[in-house]
C-alpha cells in the first residue's frame, strides 16, 4: 500500500485542457473507495465521505445521480473519490486523496469502441494528526472539482 500511496500514473489534471471535458455534464454519481478496517475503526467511513461529497455538490447546484440514473443518463459522469490512508504510529496519518471524473468516451480511430476514461482529476498527499484533517482534505479536493465544473457550466 505504501508503494501505491507515493507512485502514480500520468493522468488527467485540473487544467485549461481538462476543464472543458466537464462542460455539459448532466450530473455525477459519487463513488467513494472503501477504507482499511483500522481507518474505519478510527472513524473514517465511506458513508461519511459520500455524505460530505454529495452535500457539497448539491449545495453548488450540481446534480447528484443515483447509480441507476448514472447508468441511464447520457452525459453523466462518475465522480471518483479515493483516499488512501495509513496510520503512522502515534503521530497520526499519512494520506493520499484523489478526486477524478470518469466519463464514457469513444476512440477517434474506432468510434464503436467505448470505455470509461479519467478526464479530470486532482490529488494531494499529506500527513495529519487526526482523521478530521483527512476529511477536510477530501472536501477541499471536491471544492476544486466544483470550481472547475462551475467555470465551464456557469449558473444561469
Foldseek 3Di string as FASTA:
>chain_A
DVVVFPDDDDAAELDPQLLVVLAPAQAEEEDEDAAPPVVVVQPDGPVVLNVLLVVVCVVLVGHYDDPVCQVPDPRHWYFYWYKHWDADPQQFIKIKIKTWIWDWAADPVGRVDIDIGTRYMDMDIDGDNGVVVVSVVSSVRSVVVSVSNCVNVPDD
